[in-house]
Amino acid sequence: MEEPVFYVKDMISPIMDFFENCGYDKQTLWGNMYNDFSSIMRFYKKISKVLRYNKI
């Protein structure tokens, strides 16, 4: 049985919706969190290449 595949870019909107529902302003969230999300996505892109290369 295959394990589900999750993509960081697909999780950004639900995460932002969650914080908005908690009372955070959308513009402030995007301004503060954009760099964090970009860093997370870069990390997962790098690690996925390493995993594929090493066939893990």
N, C-alpha and C. Protein backbone atom coordinates (compact mmCIF):
# COMPACT_ATOMS: atom_id res chain seq x y z
N MET A 1 0.84 -1.18 0.00
CA MET A 1 0.00 0.00 0.00
C MET A 1 0.89 1.25 0.00
N GLU A 2 0.59 2.16 -0.91
CA GLU A 2 1.40 3.38 -1.02
C GLU A 2 1.03 4.37 0.08
N GLU A 3 2.05 5.06 0.56
CA GLU A 3 1.80 6.11 1.54
C GLU A 3 1.39 7.37 0.81
N PRO A 4 0.54 8.19 1.44
CA PRO A 4 0.12 9.43 0.77
C PRO A 4 1.29 10.39 0.60
N VAL A 5 1.23 11.17 -0.46
CA VAL A 5 2.26 12.17 -0.74
C VAL A 5 1.70 13.54 -0.40
N PHE A 6 2.46 14.30 0.38
CA PHE A 6 2.05 15.65 0.75
C PHE A 6 3.02 16.64 0.13
N TYR A 7 2.47 17.73 -0.39
CA TYR A 7 3.30 18.78 -0.97
C TYR A 7 3.14 20.04 -0.12
N VAL A 8 4.27 20.66 0.22
CA VAL A 8 4.25 21.87 1.05
C VAL A 8 3.41 22.95 0.41
N LYS A 9 3.55 23.14 -0.91
CA LYS A 9 2.80 24.21 -1.59
C LYS A 9 1.29 23.99 -1.47
N ASP A 10 0.85 22.74 -1.35
CA ASP A 10 -0.58 22.46 -1.20
C ASP A 10 -1.07 22.71 0.22
N MET A 11 -0.15 22.80 1.17
CA MET A 11 -0.53 23.01 2.56
C MET A 11 -0.55 24.48 2.96
N ILE A 12 0.01 25.35 2.12
CA ILE A 12 0.13 26.76 2.49
C ILE A 12 -1.24 27.40 2.69
N SER A 13 -2.17 27.22 1.76
CA SER A 13 -3.49 27.86 1.89
C SER A 13 -4.24 27.40 3.13
N PRO A 14 -4.32 26.09 3.42
CA PRO A 14 -5.00 25.69 4.65
C PRO A 14 -4.34 26.24 5.91
N ILE A 15 -3.01 26.32 5.90
CA ILE A 15 -2.31 26.87 7.06
C ILE A 15 -2.65 28.35 7.23
N MET A 16 -2.63 29.09 6.11
CA MET A 16 -2.97 30.52 6.17
C MET A 16 -4.42 30.71 6.60
N ASP A 17 -5.33 29.89 6.10
CA ASP A 17 -6.74 29.97 6.51
C ASP A 17 -6.88 29.74 8.01
N PHE A 18 -6.14 28.78 8.53
CA PHE A 18 -6.18 28.50 9.96
C PHE A 18 -5.78 29.73 10.77
N PHE A 19 -4.65 30.36 10.40
CA PHE A 19 -4.19 31.54 11.13
C PHE A 19 -5.16 32.71 10.98
N GLU A 20 -5.76 32.86 9.79
CA GLU A 20 -6.76 33.91 9.59
C GLU A 20 -7.95 33.69 10.52
N ASN A 21 -8.39 32.45 10.63
CA ASN A 21 -9.52 32.12 11.52
C ASN A 21 -9.17 32.37 12.98
N CYS A 22 -7.88 32.35 13.31
CA CYS A 22 -7.44 32.64 14.67
C CYS A 22 -7.32 34.15 14.92
N GLY A 23 -7.57 34.95 13.87
CA GLY A 23 -7.58 36.39 14.05
C GLY A 23 -6.41 37.16 13.46
N TYR A 24 -5.49 36.48 12.80
CA TYR A 24 -4.36 37.18 12.19
C TYR A 24 -4.79 37.82 10.87
N ASP A 25 -4.20 38.96 10.57
CA ASP A 25 -4.47 39.68 9.32
C ASP A 25 -3.75 38.99 8.17
N LYS A 26 -4.47 38.79 7.06
CA LYS A 26 -3.92 38.05 5.92
C LYS A 26 -2.66 38.73 5.36
N GLN A 27 -2.68 40.04 5.19
CA GLN A 27 -1.51 40.74 4.63
C GLN A 27 -0.30 40.61 5.54
N THR A 28 -0.53 40.72 6.84
CA THR A 28 0.57 40.58 7.80
C THR A 28 1.13 39.16 7.75
N LEU A 29 0.22 38.18 7.69
CA LEU A 29 0.66 36.79 7.62
C LEU A 29 1.52 36.53 6.40
N TRP A 30 1.04 36.97 5.24
CA TRP A 30 1.80 36.73 4.01
C TRP A 30 3.14 37.45 4.06
N GLY A 31 3.15 38.66 4.58
CA GLY A 31 4.41 39.41 4.67
C GLY A 31 5.40 38.73 5.60
N ASN A 32 4.92 38.26 6.75
CA ASN A 32 5.81 37.65 7.74
C ASN A 32 6.19 36.22 7.40
N MET A 33 5.29 35.49 6.77
CA MET A 33 5.51 34.06 6.61
C MET A 33 6.00 33.65 5.23
N TYR A 34 5.98 34.57 4.27
CA TYR A 34 6.39 34.19 2.92
C TYR A 34 7.81 33.62 2.90
N ASN A 35 8.73 34.31 3.56
CA ASN A 35 10.12 33.84 3.59
C ASN A 35 10.24 32.49 4.29
N ASP A 36 9.44 32.30 5.36
CA ASP A 36 9.47 31.02 6.06
C ASP A 36 9.00 29.89 5.15
N PHE A 37 7.90 30.12 4.43
CA PHE A 37 7.38 29.09 3.53
C PHE A 37 8.37 28.82 2.40
N SER A 38 9.00 29.87 1.90
CA SER A 38 9.99 29.68 0.83
C SER A 38 11.15 28.83 1.33
N SER A 39 11.59 29.08 2.55
CA SER A 39 12.68 28.30 3.13
C SER A 39 12.29 26.84 3.30
N ILE A 40 11.07 26.61 3.77
CA ILE A 40 10.58 25.24 3.95
C ILE A 40 10.52 24.52 2.61
N MET A 41 10.01 25.19 1.59
CA MET A 41 9.90 24.57 0.28
C MET A 41 11.29 24.25 -0.30
N ARG A 42 12.25 25.17 -0.12
CA ARG A 42 13.60 24.90 -0.60
C ARG A 42 14.21 23.69 0.11
N PHE A 43 13.98 23.62 1.43
CA PHE A 43 14.50 22.49 2.20
C PHE A 43 13.93 21.17 1.68
N TYR A 44 12.61 21.11 1.49
CA TYR A 44 12.00 19.86 1.03
C TYR A 44 12.41 19.51 -0.40
N LYS A 45 12.63 20.51 -1.23
CA LYS A 45 13.13 20.23 -2.59
C LYS A 45 14.52 19.60 -2.52
N LYS A 46 15.38 20.17 -1.67
CA LYS A 46 16.73 19.62 -1.53
C LYS A 46 16.70 18.20 -0.97
N ILE A 47 15.92 18.01 0.09
CA ILE A 47 15.89 16.70 0.73
C ILE A 47 15.27 15.65 -0.19
N SER A 48 14.29 16.03 -1.00
CA SER A 48 13.68 15.06 -1.91
C SER A 48 14.68 14.62 -2.97
N LYS A 49 15.53 15.55 -3.42
CA LYS A 49 16.57 15.18 -4.39
C LYS A 49 17.56 14.21 -3.76
N VAL A 50 17.93 14.46 -2.52
CA VAL A 50 18.86 13.58 -1.82
C VAL A 50 18.24 12.20 -1.63
N LEU A 51 16.98 12.17 -1.23
CA LEU A 51 16.30 10.89 -1.01
C LEU A 51 16.19 10.10 -2.31
N ARG A 52 15.84 10.79 -3.40
CA ARG A 52 15.73 10.11 -4.69
C ARG A 52 17.10 9.60 -5.15
N TYR A 53 18.12 10.42 -4.95
CA TYR A 53 19.47 10.04 -5.37
C TYR A 53 19.95 8.80 -4.60
N ASN A 54 19.65 8.78 -3.30
CA ASN A 54 20.07 7.66 -2.46
C ASN A 54 19.04 6.53 -2.42
N LYS A 55 17.95 6.71 -3.14
CA LYS A 55 16.87 5.72 -3.22
C LYS A 55 16.36 5.31 -1.84
N ILE A 56 16.13 6.31 -1.01
CA ILE A 56 15.59 6.08 0.33
C ILE A 56 14.09 6.22 0.28
